[in-house]
N, C-alpha and C. Protein backbone atom coordinates (compact mmCIF):
# COMPACT_ATOMS: atom_id res chain seq x y z
N MET A 1 0.84 -1.20 -0.03
CA MET A 1 -0.04 -0.01 0.03
C MET A 1 0.88 1.28 -0.01
N THR A 2 0.47 2.21 -0.78
CA THR A 2 1.16 3.49 -0.85
C THR A 2 0.24 4.62 -0.41
N GLN A 3 0.79 5.51 0.42
CA GLN A 3 -0.03 6.65 0.80
C GLN A 3 0.06 7.74 -0.27
N ILE A 4 -1.09 8.33 -0.59
CA ILE A 4 -1.15 9.44 -1.57
C ILE A 4 -1.86 10.58 -0.85
N PRO A 5 -1.46 11.76 -1.09
CA PRO A 5 -2.14 12.92 -0.50
C PRO A 5 -3.47 13.23 -1.28
N THR A 6 -4.46 13.61 -0.49
CA THR A 6 -5.68 14.09 -1.05
C THR A 6 -6.05 15.44 -0.42
N ILE A 7 -6.81 16.24 -1.11
CA ILE A 7 -7.17 17.53 -0.57
C ILE A 7 -8.46 17.33 0.19
N ASP A 8 -8.52 17.80 1.44
CA ASP A 8 -9.76 17.74 2.20
C ASP A 8 -10.51 19.03 1.86
N MET A 9 -11.57 18.89 1.07
CA MET A 9 -12.28 20.05 0.49
C MET A 9 -13.05 20.80 1.61
N VAL A 10 -13.59 20.10 2.51
CA VAL A 10 -14.37 20.76 3.61
C VAL A 10 -13.40 21.58 4.50
N LYS A 11 -12.29 21.02 4.89
CA LYS A 11 -11.33 21.76 5.76
C LYS A 11 -10.70 22.90 4.95
N THR A 12 -10.50 22.67 3.67
CA THR A 12 -9.93 23.75 2.85
C THR A 12 -10.96 24.89 2.74
N GLY A 13 -12.22 24.59 2.64
CA GLY A 13 -13.28 25.60 2.69
C GLY A 13 -13.30 26.38 3.98
N GLN A 14 -13.11 25.66 5.08
CA GLN A 14 -13.07 26.29 6.38
C GLN A 14 -11.88 27.25 6.49
N ASN A 15 -10.77 26.83 5.87
CA ASN A 15 -9.59 27.68 5.82
C ASN A 15 -9.86 28.94 5.04
N ILE A 16 -10.55 28.83 3.93
CA ILE A 16 -10.85 29.99 3.13
C ILE A 16 -11.74 31.02 3.90
N ILE A 17 -12.69 30.46 4.62
CA ILE A 17 -13.58 31.30 5.46
C ILE A 17 -12.75 32.02 6.49
N GLN A 18 -11.89 31.29 7.24
CA GLN A 18 -11.08 31.90 8.27
C GLN A 18 -10.13 32.94 7.75
N LEU A 19 -9.49 32.66 6.62
CA LEU A 19 -8.56 33.62 6.01
C LEU A 19 -9.27 34.83 5.53
N ARG A 20 -10.42 34.65 4.90
CA ARG A 20 -11.22 35.75 4.42
C ARG A 20 -11.58 36.67 5.54
N LYS A 21 -12.11 36.09 6.64
CA LYS A 21 -12.52 36.90 7.84
C LYS A 21 -11.27 37.59 8.46
N LYS A 22 -10.17 36.87 8.55
CA LYS A 22 -8.96 37.36 9.18
C LYS A 22 -8.46 38.65 8.39
N ASN A 23 -8.69 38.60 7.07
CA ASN A 23 -8.27 39.71 6.23
C ASN A 23 -9.34 40.78 6.08
N GLY A 24 -10.45 40.61 6.81
CA GLY A 24 -11.51 41.62 6.82
C GLY A 24 -12.25 41.77 5.50
N LEU A 25 -12.37 40.61 4.80
CA LEU A 25 -13.03 40.58 3.53
C LEU A 25 -14.36 39.89 3.58
N SER A 26 -15.29 40.41 2.85
CA SER A 26 -16.63 39.76 2.69
C SER A 26 -16.57 38.87 1.46
N VAL A 27 -17.59 38.01 1.34
CA VAL A 27 -17.75 37.27 0.05
C VAL A 27 -17.90 38.22 -1.08
N LYS A 28 -18.61 39.28 -0.92
CA LYS A 28 -18.78 40.28 -1.99
C LYS A 28 -17.45 40.89 -2.41
N ASN A 29 -16.56 41.17 -1.41
CA ASN A 29 -15.20 41.67 -1.72
C ASN A 29 -14.47 40.65 -2.63
N LEU A 30 -14.56 39.37 -2.29
CA LEU A 30 -13.85 38.36 -3.11
C LEU A 30 -14.48 38.25 -4.49
N GLN A 31 -15.79 38.37 -4.53
CA GLN A 31 -16.50 38.34 -5.82
C GLN A 31 -16.03 39.48 -6.73
N ASP A 32 -15.84 40.66 -6.15
CA ASP A 32 -15.40 41.80 -6.91
C ASP A 32 -13.89 41.60 -7.35
N ILE A 33 -13.09 41.10 -6.43
CA ILE A 33 -11.69 40.87 -6.79
C ILE A 33 -11.52 39.89 -7.95
N PHE A 34 -12.37 38.84 -7.98
CA PHE A 34 -12.26 37.87 -9.02
C PHE A 34 -13.06 38.26 -10.26
N GLY A 35 -13.97 39.25 -10.12
CA GLY A 35 -14.74 39.68 -11.23
C GLY A 35 -15.85 38.75 -11.58
N PHE A 36 -16.30 37.97 -10.54
CA PHE A 36 -17.39 37.03 -10.76
C PHE A 36 -18.72 37.79 -10.78
N SER A 37 -19.64 37.33 -11.63
CA SER A 37 -20.94 37.99 -11.75
C SER A 37 -21.82 37.55 -10.56
N THR A 38 -21.58 36.41 -9.97
CA THR A 38 -22.29 35.97 -8.77
C THR A 38 -21.31 35.40 -7.78
N PRO A 39 -21.70 35.28 -6.51
CA PRO A 39 -20.76 34.75 -5.52
C PRO A 39 -20.78 33.22 -5.38
N GLN A 40 -21.48 32.52 -6.24
CA GLN A 40 -21.72 31.11 -6.11
C GLN A 40 -20.35 30.32 -6.01
N ALA A 41 -19.41 30.59 -6.84
CA ALA A 41 -18.17 29.87 -6.76
C ALA A 41 -17.51 29.99 -5.41
N ILE A 42 -17.49 31.21 -4.89
CA ILE A 42 -16.86 31.44 -3.57
C ILE A 42 -17.59 30.64 -2.46
N TYR A 43 -18.96 30.62 -2.52
CA TYR A 43 -19.71 29.83 -1.56
C TYR A 43 -19.38 28.36 -1.68
N LYS A 44 -19.23 27.86 -2.91
CA LYS A 44 -18.90 26.48 -3.11
C LYS A 44 -17.54 26.16 -2.56
N TRP A 45 -16.59 27.05 -2.70
CA TRP A 45 -15.27 26.86 -2.13
C TRP A 45 -15.36 26.74 -0.58
N GLN A 46 -16.13 27.70 -0.01
CA GLN A 46 -16.26 27.74 1.42
C GLN A 46 -17.03 26.49 1.99
N GLN A 47 -17.94 25.98 1.23
CA GLN A 47 -18.75 24.88 1.69
C GLN A 47 -18.00 23.54 1.48
N GLY A 48 -16.89 23.55 0.70
CA GLY A 48 -16.18 22.40 0.40
C GLY A 48 -16.78 21.52 -0.66
N THR A 49 -17.61 22.10 -1.54
CA THR A 49 -18.23 21.36 -2.63
C THR A 49 -17.45 21.57 -3.93
N ALA A 50 -16.53 22.50 -3.95
CA ALA A 50 -15.68 22.74 -5.12
C ALA A 50 -14.36 23.36 -4.57
N LEU A 51 -13.33 23.21 -5.38
CA LEU A 51 -12.05 23.81 -5.06
C LEU A 51 -11.75 24.93 -6.09
N PRO A 52 -11.04 25.97 -5.65
CA PRO A 52 -10.60 27.05 -6.56
C PRO A 52 -9.68 26.42 -7.63
N SER A 53 -9.76 26.92 -8.85
CA SER A 53 -8.80 26.47 -9.84
C SER A 53 -7.44 27.00 -9.42
N ILE A 54 -6.37 26.48 -10.06
CA ILE A 54 -5.03 26.81 -9.68
C ILE A 54 -4.82 28.34 -9.80
N ASP A 55 -5.29 28.96 -10.90
CA ASP A 55 -5.10 30.40 -11.05
C ASP A 55 -5.85 31.15 -9.97
N ASN A 56 -7.07 30.70 -9.60
CA ASN A 56 -7.79 31.37 -8.56
C ASN A 56 -7.18 31.13 -7.17
N LEU A 57 -6.54 29.98 -6.99
CA LEU A 57 -5.80 29.74 -5.76
C LEU A 57 -4.62 30.66 -5.61
N VAL A 58 -3.97 30.96 -6.69
CA VAL A 58 -2.83 31.88 -6.69
C VAL A 58 -3.32 33.25 -6.27
N VAL A 59 -4.48 33.65 -6.81
CA VAL A 59 -5.01 34.97 -6.48
C VAL A 59 -5.44 34.99 -4.94
N LEU A 60 -6.06 33.92 -4.49
CA LEU A 60 -6.46 33.84 -3.07
C LEU A 60 -5.22 34.00 -2.18
N ALA A 61 -4.17 33.25 -2.51
CA ALA A 61 -2.96 33.30 -1.72
C ALA A 61 -2.41 34.77 -1.65
N ALA A 62 -2.40 35.45 -2.78
CA ALA A 62 -1.91 36.82 -2.79
C ALA A 62 -2.81 37.75 -2.01
N VAL A 63 -4.13 37.56 -2.17
CA VAL A 63 -5.15 38.42 -1.43
C VAL A 63 -5.00 38.20 0.11
N PHE A 64 -4.82 36.91 0.46
CA PHE A 64 -4.76 36.56 1.91
C PHE A 64 -3.35 36.71 2.45
N HIS A 65 -2.34 36.97 1.63
CA HIS A 65 -0.95 37.10 2.05
C HIS A 65 -0.42 35.82 2.68
N VAL A 66 -0.73 34.73 2.07
CA VAL A 66 -0.20 33.39 2.50
C VAL A 66 0.25 32.62 1.27
N HIS A 67 0.85 31.43 1.56
CA HIS A 67 1.23 30.55 0.47
C HIS A 67 0.00 29.65 0.16
N MET A 68 -0.02 29.13 -1.01
CA MET A 68 -1.14 28.26 -1.43
C MET A 68 -1.23 27.08 -0.48
N ASP A 69 -0.11 26.59 0.03
CA ASP A 69 -0.17 25.47 0.99
C ASP A 69 -0.85 25.82 2.30
N ASP A 70 -0.97 27.13 2.57
CA ASP A 70 -1.67 27.55 3.80
C ASP A 70 -3.17 27.58 3.60
N ILE A 71 -3.62 27.47 2.39
CA ILE A 71 -5.01 27.45 2.08
C ILE A 71 -5.53 26.04 1.96
N LEU A 72 -4.78 25.21 1.28
CA LEU A 72 -5.19 23.82 1.04
C LEU A 72 -4.88 22.92 2.30
N VAL A 73 -5.83 22.06 2.62
CA VAL A 73 -5.66 21.13 3.72
C VAL A 73 -5.49 19.76 3.05
N VAL A 74 -4.27 19.15 3.26
CA VAL A 74 -3.93 17.92 2.63
C VAL A 74 -4.05 16.82 3.64
N ASP A 75 -4.72 15.69 3.24
CA ASP A 75 -4.87 14.51 4.07
C ASP A 75 -3.96 13.44 3.43
N ILE A 76 -3.05 12.95 4.21
CA ILE A 76 -2.12 11.90 3.69
C ILE A 76 -2.50 10.52 4.15
N SER A 77 -3.64 10.38 4.73
CA SER A 77 -4.01 9.07 5.31
C SER A 77 -4.61 8.12 4.15
N ALA A 78 -4.94 8.64 3.04
CA ALA A 78 -5.51 7.80 1.99
C ALA A 78 -4.45 6.85 1.49
N GLN A 79 -4.80 5.61 1.21
CA GLN A 79 -3.89 4.64 0.73
C GLN A 79 -4.44 3.95 -0.50
N ILE A 80 -3.52 3.64 -1.43
CA ILE A 80 -3.95 2.94 -2.60
C ILE A 80 -3.00 1.76 -2.80
N SER A 81 -3.43 0.79 -3.51
CA SER A 81 -2.63 -0.35 -3.86
C SER A 81 -2.11 -0.16 -5.29
N ILE A 82 -0.79 -0.21 -5.45
CA ILE A 82 -0.22 -0.07 -6.77
C ILE A 82 0.19 -1.48 -7.28
N GLY A 83 -0.46 -1.83 -8.40
CA GLY A 83 -0.20 -3.15 -8.99
C GLY A 83 1.19 -3.36 -9.51
N ALA A 84 1.67 -4.56 -9.51
CA ALA A 84 3.01 -4.85 -9.98
C ALA A 84 2.97 -5.31 -11.45
């Protein structure tokens, strides 16, 4: 068995909420920064039902003044079997 990292979407969403609040930003502020016509994508990120794309993750990291690794929550407990 080999351990592979997976992204915990719910915990990553919780991180996004905490970082947004820590930086004094509303969902509307993020919507404006990204130029989204609706806030639905941001709510999906926060709820853990979707992840930001790589380019949006780069923007979030810059806006929150953190590294991308500080936004994503990685779970290394998942295991897979690699066939021989």
